[in-house]
Amino acid sequence: MKIDKDKLAKIGDDDLERRFRTVKNLVVSSKFSSNKRTELEVELCYLHRERDVRVARRAAHQQWLKSSANKRRRA
């Protein structure tokens, strides 16, 4: 299930969540060699970071929209 880090930002939110849950479950299952487990953990970190980036981006956008609406009301 290896994913190209450059393509990670382009996948949809649903696909990102699905991949995150799948890889997380694989890591927890611990039925892999240490090398494979490490590979899965690294992928999980990239997926987790992308999720965090998207959440922060949405929050920043919502704040900008709120600020923008307030500026329009004052004008």
PDB file of N, CA and C in Angstrom:
ATOM      1  N   MET A   1       0.821  -1.192   0.000  1.00  0.00           N
ATOM      2  CA  MET A   1       0.000   0.000   0.000  1.00  0.00           C
ATOM      3  C   MET A   1       0.862   1.252   0.000  1.00  0.00           C
ATOM      4  N   LYS A   2       2.091   1.123  -0.329  1.00  0.00           N
ATOM      5  CA  LYS A   2       3.030   2.244  -0.353  1.00  0.00           C
ATOM      6  C   LYS A   2       2.480   3.386  -1.211  1.00  0.00           C
ATOM      7  N   ILE A   3       2.561   4.604  -0.693  1.00  0.00           N
ATOM      8  CA  ILE A   3       2.039   5.769  -1.405  1.00  0.00           C
ATOM      9  C   ILE A   3       3.166   6.751  -1.680  1.00  0.00           C
ATOM     10  N   ASP A   4       3.125   7.359  -2.844  1.00  0.00           N
ATOM     11  CA  ASP A   4       4.096   8.373  -3.222  1.00  0.00           C
ATOM     12  C   ASP A   4       3.789   9.642  -2.426  1.00  0.00           C
ATOM     13  N   LYS A   5       4.760  10.144  -1.707  1.00  0.00           N
ATOM     14  CA  LYS A   5       4.561  11.315  -0.845  1.00  0.00           C
ATOM     15  C   LYS A   5       4.097  12.544  -1.624  1.00  0.00           C
ATOM     16  N   ASP A   6       4.522  12.667  -2.872  1.00  0.00           N
ATOM     17  CA  ASP A   6       4.114  13.811  -3.685  1.00  0.00           C
ATOM     18  C   ASP A   6       2.641  13.724  -4.074  1.00  0.00           C
ATOM     19  N   LYS A   7       2.142  12.513  -4.219  1.00  0.00           N
ATOM     20  CA  LYS A   7       0.740  12.323  -4.610  1.00  0.00           C
ATOM     21  C   LYS A   7      -0.197  12.369  -3.415  1.00  0.00           C
ATOM     22  N   LEU A   8       0.354  12.288  -2.230  1.00  0.00           N
ATOM     23  CA  LEU A   8      -0.451  12.251  -1.017  1.00  0.00           C
ATOM     24  C   LEU A   8      -1.347  13.485  -0.892  1.00  0.00           C
ATOM     25  N   ALA A   9      -0.827  14.637  -1.220  1.00  0.00           N
ATOM     26  CA  ALA A   9      -1.602  15.876  -1.101  1.00  0.00           C
ATOM     27  C   ALA A   9      -2.738  15.942  -2.115  1.00  0.00           C
ATOM     28  N   LYS A  10      -2.691  15.107  -3.135  1.00  0.00           N
ATOM     29  CA  LYS A  10      -3.693  15.152  -4.197  1.00  0.00           C
ATOM     30  C   LYS A  10      -4.850  14.189  -4.003  1.00  0.00           C
ATOM     31  N   ILE A  11      -4.722  13.250  -3.070  1.00  0.00           N
ATOM     32  CA  ILE A  11      -5.814  12.295  -2.896  1.00  0.00           C
ATOM     33  C   ILE A  11      -6.937  12.933  -2.088  1.00  0.00           C
ATOM     34  N   GLY A  12      -8.139  12.425  -2.270  1.00  0.00           N
ATOM     35  CA  GLY A  12      -9.302  12.968  -1.597  1.00  0.00           C
ATOM     36  C   GLY A  12      -9.302  12.661  -0.108  1.00  0.00           C
ATOM     37  N   ASP A  13     -10.107  13.405   0.627  1.00  0.00           N
ATOM     38  CA  ASP A  13     -10.189  13.222   2.074  1.00  0.00           C
ATOM     39  C   ASP A  13     -10.662  11.818   2.446  1.00  0.00           C
ATOM     40  N   ASP A  14     -11.662  11.309   1.723  1.00  0.00           N
ATOM     41  CA  ASP A  14     -12.171   9.969   2.023  1.00  0.00           C
ATOM     42  C   ASP A  14     -11.104   8.909   1.802  1.00  0.00           C
ATOM     43  N   ASP A  15     -10.378   9.030   0.702  1.00  0.00           N
ATOM     44  CA  ASP A  15      -9.319   8.070   0.408  1.00  0.00           C
ATOM     45  C   ASP A  15      -8.205   8.173   1.452  1.00  0.00           C
ATOM     46  N   LEU A  16      -7.879   9.380   1.856  1.00  0.00           N
ATOM     47  CA  LEU A  16      -6.859   9.588   2.886  1.00  0.00           C
ATOM     48  C   LEU A  16      -7.276   8.908   4.195  1.00  0.00           C
ATOM     49  N   GLU A  17      -8.520   9.122   4.607  1.00  0.00           N
ATOM     50  CA  GLU A  17      -9.006   8.504   5.842  1.00  0.00           C
ATOM     51  C   GLU A  17      -9.001   6.989   5.736  1.00  0.00           C
ATOM     52  N   ARG A  18      -9.420   6.464   4.602  1.00  0.00           N
ATOM     53  CA  ARG A  18      -9.447   5.013   4.393  1.00  0.00           C
ATOM     54  C   ARG A  18      -8.034   4.427   4.480  1.00  0.00           C
ATOM     55  N   ARG A  19      -7.096   5.074   3.812  1.00  0.00           N
ATOM     56  CA  ARG A  19      -5.708   4.603   3.854  1.00  0.00           C
ATOM     57  C   ARG A  19      -5.137   4.692   5.262  1.00  0.00           C
ATOM     58  N   PHE A  20      -5.437   5.786   5.952  1.00  0.00           N
ATOM     59  CA  PHE A  20      -4.945   5.964   7.317  1.00  0.00           C
ATOM     60  C   PHE A  20      -5.447   4.841   8.216  1.00  0.00           C
ATOM     61  N   ARG A  21      -6.756   4.571   8.183  1.00  0.00           N
ATOM     62  CA  ARG A  21      -7.321   3.513   9.024  1.00  0.00           C
ATOM     63  C   ARG A  21      -6.737   2.148   8.677  1.00  0.00           C
ATOM     64  N   THR A  22      -6.578   1.881   7.382  1.00  0.00           N
ATOM     65  CA  THR A  22      -6.035   0.593   6.948  1.00  0.00           C
ATOM     66  C   THR A  22      -4.611   0.391   7.450  1.00  0.00           C
ATOM     67  N   VAL A  23      -3.762   1.388   7.242  1.00  0.00           N
ATOM     68  CA  VAL A  23      -2.364   1.271   7.660  1.00  0.00           C
ATOM     69  C   VAL A  23      -2.271   1.197   9.180  1.00  0.00           C
ATOM     70  N   LYS A  24      -3.082   1.981   9.878  1.00  0.00           N
ATOM     71  CA  LYS A  24      -3.080   1.949  11.340  1.00  0.00           C
ATOM     72  C   LYS A  24      -3.441   0.551  11.840  1.00  0.00           C
ATOM     73  N   ASN A  25      -4.456  -0.049  11.237  1.00  0.00           N
ATOM     74  CA  ASN A  25      -4.854  -1.401  11.631  1.00  0.00           C
ATOM     75  C   ASN A  25      -3.751  -2.413  11.336  1.00  0.00           C
ATOM     76  N   LEU A  26      -3.048  -2.232  10.243  1.00  0.00           N
ATOM     77  CA  LEU A  26      -1.947  -3.130   9.913  1.00  0.00           C
ATOM     78  C   LEU A  26      -0.808  -3.005  10.931  1.00  0.00           C
ATOM     79  N   VAL A  27      -0.518  -1.778  11.342  1.00  0.00           N
ATOM     80  CA  VAL A  27       0.548  -1.559  12.332  1.00  0.00           C
ATOM     81  C   VAL A  27       0.165  -2.202  13.666  1.00  0.00           C
ATOM     82  N   VAL A  28      -1.078  -2.041  14.061  1.00  0.00           N
ATOM     83  CA  VAL A  28      -1.544  -2.584  15.333  1.00  0.00           C
ATOM     84  C   VAL A  28      -1.552  -4.115  15.312  1.00  0.00           C
ATOM     85  N   SER A  29      -1.817  -4.696  14.156  1.00  0.00           N
ATOM     86  CA  SER A  29      -1.922  -6.156  14.076  1.00  0.00           C
ATOM     87  C   SER A  29      -0.602  -6.853  14.395  1.00  0.00           C
ATOM     88  N   SER A  30       0.500  -6.198  14.174  1.00  0.00           N
ATOM     89  CA  SER A  30       1.854  -6.679  14.494  1.00  0.00           C
ATOM     90  C   SER A  30       2.160  -8.079  13.975  1.00  0.00           C
ATOM     91  N   LYS A  31       1.676  -8.405  12.802  1.00  0.00           N
ATOM     92  CA  LYS A  31       1.984  -9.715  12.228  1.00  0.00           C
ATOM     93  C   LYS A  31       3.014  -9.618  11.101  1.00  0.00           C
ATOM     94  N   PHE A  32       3.824  -8.592  11.154  1.00  0.00           N
ATOM     95  CA  PHE A  32       4.797  -8.350  10.103  1.00  0.00           C
ATOM     96  C   PHE A  32       6.219  -8.402  10.662  1.00  0.00           C
ATOM     97  N   SER A  33       7.156  -8.536   9.765  1.00  0.00           N
ATOM     98  CA  SER A  33       8.561  -8.470  10.173  1.00  0.00           C
ATOM     99  C   SER A  33       8.860  -7.049  10.656  1.00  0.00           C
ATOM    100  N   SER A  34       9.951  -6.895  11.359  1.00  0.00           N
ATOM    101  CA  SER A  34      10.278  -5.566  11.888  1.00  0.00           C
ATOM    102  C   SER A  34      10.520  -4.555  10.772  1.00  0.00           C
ATOM    103  N   ASN A  35      11.108  -5.008   9.655  1.00  0.00           N
ATOM    104  CA  ASN A  35      11.332  -4.096   8.521  1.00  0.00           C
ATOM    105  C   ASN A  35      10.011  -3.635   7.910  1.00  0.00           C
ATOM    106  N   LYS A  36       9.087  -4.561   7.709  1.00  0.00           N
ATOM    107  CA  LYS A  36       7.788  -4.220   7.130  1.00  0.00           C
ATOM    108  C   LYS A  36       7.002  -3.337   8.096  1.00  0.00           C
ATOM    109  N   ARG A  37       7.074  -3.650   9.373  1.00  0.00           N
ATOM    110  CA  ARG A  37       6.376  -2.847  10.374  1.00  0.00           C
ATOM    111  C   ARG A  37       6.908  -1.414  10.380  1.00  0.00           C
ATOM    112  N   THR A  38       8.222  -1.265  10.302  1.00  0.00           N
ATOM    113  CA  THR A  38       8.826   0.064  10.259  1.00  0.00           C
ATOM    114  C   THR A  38       8.354   0.820   9.020  1.00  0.00           C
ATOM    115  N   GLU A  39       8.305   0.131   7.895  1.00  0.00           N
ATOM    116  CA  GLU A  39       7.824   0.743   6.651  1.00  0.00           C
ATOM    117  C   GLU A  39       6.378   1.216   6.810  1.00  0.00           C
ATOM    118  N   LEU A  40       5.539   0.397   7.432  1.00  0.00           N
ATOM    119  CA  LEU A  40       4.145   0.776   7.663  1.00  0.00           C
ATOM    120  C   LEU A  40       4.037   1.947   8.636  1.00  0.00           C
ATOM    121  N   GLU A  41       4.871   1.962   9.658  1.00  0.00           N
ATOM    122  CA  GLU A  41       4.849   3.060  10.627  1.00  0.00           C
ATOM    123  C   GLU A  41       5.247   4.382   9.982  1.00  0.00           C
ATOM    124  N   VAL A  42       6.225   4.335   9.085  1.00  0.00           N
ATOM    125  CA  VAL A  42       6.642   5.551   8.375  1.00  0.00           C
ATOM    126  C   VAL A  42       5.491   6.047   7.496  1.00  0.00           C
ATOM    127  N   GLU A  43       4.852   5.128   6.797  1.00  0.00           N
ATOM    128  CA  GLU A  43       3.714   5.517   5.958  1.00  0.00           C
ATOM    129  C   GLU A  43       2.594   6.099   6.809  1.00  0.00           C
ATOM    130  N   LEU A  44       2.352   5.496   7.969  1.00  0.00           N
ATOM    131  CA  LEU A  44       1.329   6.005   8.871  1.00  0.00           C
ATOM    132  C   LEU A  44       1.654   7.434   9.309  1.00  0.00           C
ATOM    133  N   CYS A  45       2.913   7.714   9.555  1.00  0.00           N
ATOM    134  CA  CYS A  45       3.327   9.073   9.941  1.00  0.00           C
ATOM    135  C   CYS A  45       3.033  10.081   8.826  1.00  0.00           C
ATOM    136  N   TYR A  46       3.332   9.702   7.582  1.00  0.00           N
ATOM    137  CA  TYR A  46       3.043  10.594   6.463  1.00  0.00           C
ATOM    138  C   TYR A  46       1.544  10.834   6.320  1.00  0.00           C
ATOM    139  N   LEU A  47       0.759   9.775   6.468  1.00  0.00           N
ATOM    140  CA  LEU A  47      -0.692   9.912   6.372  1.00  0.00           C
ATOM    141  C   LEU A  47      -1.229  10.779   7.511  1.00  0.00           C
ATOM    142  N   HIS A  48      -0.705  10.577   8.704  1.00  0.00           N
ATOM    143  CA  HIS A  48      -1.137  11.363   9.865  1.00  0.00           C
ATOM    144  C   HIS A  48      -0.793  12.841   9.674  1.00  0.00           C
ATOM    145  N   ARG A  49       0.391  13.092   9.181  1.00  0.00           N
ATOM    146  CA  ARG A  49       0.801  14.482   8.951  1.00  0.00           C
ATOM    147  C   ARG A  49      -0.091  15.153   7.913  1.00  0.00           C
ATOM    148  N   GLU A  50      -0.411  14.442   6.850  1.00  0.00           N
ATOM    149  CA  GLU A  50      -1.297  15.006   5.821  1.00  0.00           C
ATOM    150  C   GLU A  50      -2.673  15.315   6.406  1.00  0.00           C
ATOM    151  N   ARG A  51      -3.174  14.438   7.265  1.00  0.00           N
ATOM    152  CA  ARG A  51      -4.459  14.698   7.925  1.00  0.00           C
ATOM    153  C   ARG A  51      -4.357  15.969   8.767  1.00  0.00           C
ATOM    154  N   ASP A  52      -3.277  16.101   9.535  1.00  0.00           N
ATOM    155  CA  ASP A  52      -3.092  17.283  10.379  1.00  0.00           C
ATOM    156  C   ASP A  52      -3.001  18.557   9.550  1.00  0.00           C
ATOM    157  N   VAL A  53      -2.286  18.487   8.439  1.00  0.00           N
ATOM    158  CA  VAL A  53      -2.149  19.655   7.553  1.00  0.00           C
ATOM    159  C   VAL A  53      -3.515  20.077   7.032  1.00  0.00           C
ATOM    160  N   ARG A  54      -4.318  19.109   6.638  1.00  0.00           N
ATOM    161  CA  ARG A  54      -5.647  19.434   6.104  1.00  0.00           C
ATOM    162  C   ARG A  54      -6.559  20.035   7.170  1.00  0.00           C
ATOM    163  N   VAL A  55      -6.499  19.507   8.368  1.00  0.00           N
ATOM    164  CA  VAL A  55      -7.312  20.057   9.461  1.00  0.00           C
ATOM    165  C   VAL A  55      -6.891  21.494   9.746  1.00  0.00           C
ATOM    166  N   ALA A  56      -5.593  21.742   9.809  1.00  0.00           N
ATOM    167  CA  ALA A  56      -5.093  23.095  10.065  1.00  0.00           C
ATOM    168  C   ALA A  56      -5.458  24.042   8.924  1.00  0.00           C
ATOM    169  N   ARG A  57      -5.377  23.551   7.701  1.00  0.00           N
ATOM    170  CA  ARG A  57      -5.727  24.379   6.542  1.00  0.00           C
ATOM    171  C   ARG A  57      -7.208  24.751   6.574  1.00  0.00           C
ATOM    172  N   ARG A  58      -8.063  23.792   6.914  1.00  0.00           N
ATOM    173  CA  ARG A  58      -9.497  24.079   7.012  1.00  0.00           C
ATOM    174  C   ARG A  58      -9.781  25.101   8.102  1.00  0.00           C
ATOM    175  N   ALA A  59      -9.122  24.935   9.249  1.00  0.00           N
ATOM    176  CA  ALA A  59      -9.315  25.869  10.359  1.00  0.00           C
ATOM    177  C   ALA A  59      -8.854  27.276   9.973  1.00  0.00           C
ATOM    178  N   ALA A  60      -7.723  27.366   9.320  1.00  0.00           N
ATOM    179  CA  ALA A  60      -7.207  28.673   8.889  1.00  0.00           C
ATOM    180  C   ALA A  60      -8.150  29.305   7.868  1.00  0.00           C
ATOM    181  N   HIS A  61      -8.688  28.498   6.979  1.00  0.00           N
ATOM    182  CA  HIS A  61      -9.607  29.016   5.963  1.00  0.00           C
ATOM    183  C   HIS A  61     -10.900  29.509   6.620  1.00  0.00           C
ATOM    184  N   GLN A  62     -11.411  28.749   7.583  1.00  0.00           N
ATOM    185  CA  GLN A  62     -12.612  29.184   8.292  1.00  0.00           C
ATOM    186  C   GLN A  62     -12.370  30.497   9.033  1.00  0.00           C
ATOM    187  N   GLN A  63     -11.212  30.626   9.640  1.00  0.00           N
ATOM    188  CA  GLN A  63     -10.861  31.866  10.331  1.00  0.00           C
ATOM    189  C   GLN A  63     -10.762  33.021   9.343  1.00  0.00           C
ATOM    190  N   TRP A  64     -10.179  32.775   8.186  1.00  0.00           N
ATOM    191  CA  TRP A  64     -10.070  33.812   7.164  1.00  0.00           C
ATOM    192  C   TRP A  64     -11.458  34.230   6.679  1.00  0.00           C
ATOM    193  N   LEU A  65     -12.338  33.244   6.460  1.00  0.00           N
ATOM    194  CA  LEU A  65     -13.699  33.565   6.025  1.00  0.00           C
ATOM    195  C   LEU A  65     -14.421  34.414   7.064  1.00  0.00           C
ATOM    196  N   LYS A  66     -14.254  34.057   8.320  1.00  0.00           N
ATOM    197  CA  LYS A  66     -14.880  34.813   9.403  1.00  0.00           C
ATOM    198  C   LYS A  66     -14.336  36.233   9.438  1.00  0.00           C
ATOM    199  N   SER A  67     -13.032  36.379   9.332  1.00  0.00           N
ATOM    200  CA  SER A  67     -12.393  37.693   9.339  1.00  0.00           C
ATOM    201  C   SER A  67     -12.830  38.518   8.133  1.00  0.00           C
ATOM    202  N   SER A  68     -12.899  37.862   6.996  1.00  0.00           N
ATOM    203  CA  SER A  68     -13.306  38.538   5.769  1.00  0.00           C
ATOM    204  C   SER A  68     -14.750  39.024   5.862  1.00  0.00           C
ATOM    205  N   ALA A  69     -15.617  38.209   6.444  1.00  0.00           N
ATOM    206  CA  ALA A  69     -17.021  38.592   6.596  1.00  0.00           C
ATOM    207  C   ALA A  69     -17.150  39.775   7.550  1.00  0.00           C
ATOM    208  N   ASN A  70     -16.363  39.769   8.621  1.00  0.00           N
ATOM    209  CA  ASN A  70     -16.398  40.883   9.575  1.00  0.00           C
ATOM    210  C   ASN A  70     -15.936  42.178   8.924  1.00  0.00           C
ATOM    211  N   LYS A  71     -14.928  42.115   8.078  1.00  0.00           N
ATOM    212  CA  LYS A  71     -14.421  43.307   7.389  1.00  0.00           C
ATOM    213  C   LYS A  71     -15.478  43.866   6.450  1.00  0.00           C
ATOM    214  N   ARG A  72     -16.205  42.994   5.763  1.00  0.00           N
ATOM    215  CA  ARG A  72     -17.249  43.438   4.832  1.00  0.00           C
ATOM    216  C   ARG A  72     -18.392  44.112   5.578  1.00  0.00           C
ATOM    217  N   ARG A  73     -18.727  43.590   6.756  1.00  0.00           N
ATOM    218  CA  ARG A  73     -19.816  44.181   7.533  1.00  0.00           C
ATOM    219  C   ARG A  73     -19.468  45.588   8.013  1.00  0.00           C
ATOM    220  N   ARG A  74     -18.195  45.809   8.320  1.00  0.00           N
ATOM    221  CA  ARG A  74     -17.773  47.131   8.825  1.00  0.00           C
ATOM    222  C   ARG A  74     -17.678  48.153   7.705  1.00  0.00           C
ATOM    223  N   ALA A  75     -17.516  47.699   6.490  1.00  0.00           N
ATOM    224  CA  ALA A  75     -17.315  48.628   5.369  1.00  0.00           C
ATOM    225  C   ALA A  75     -18.594  49.270   4.907  1.00  0.00           C
TER     226      ALA A  75
END
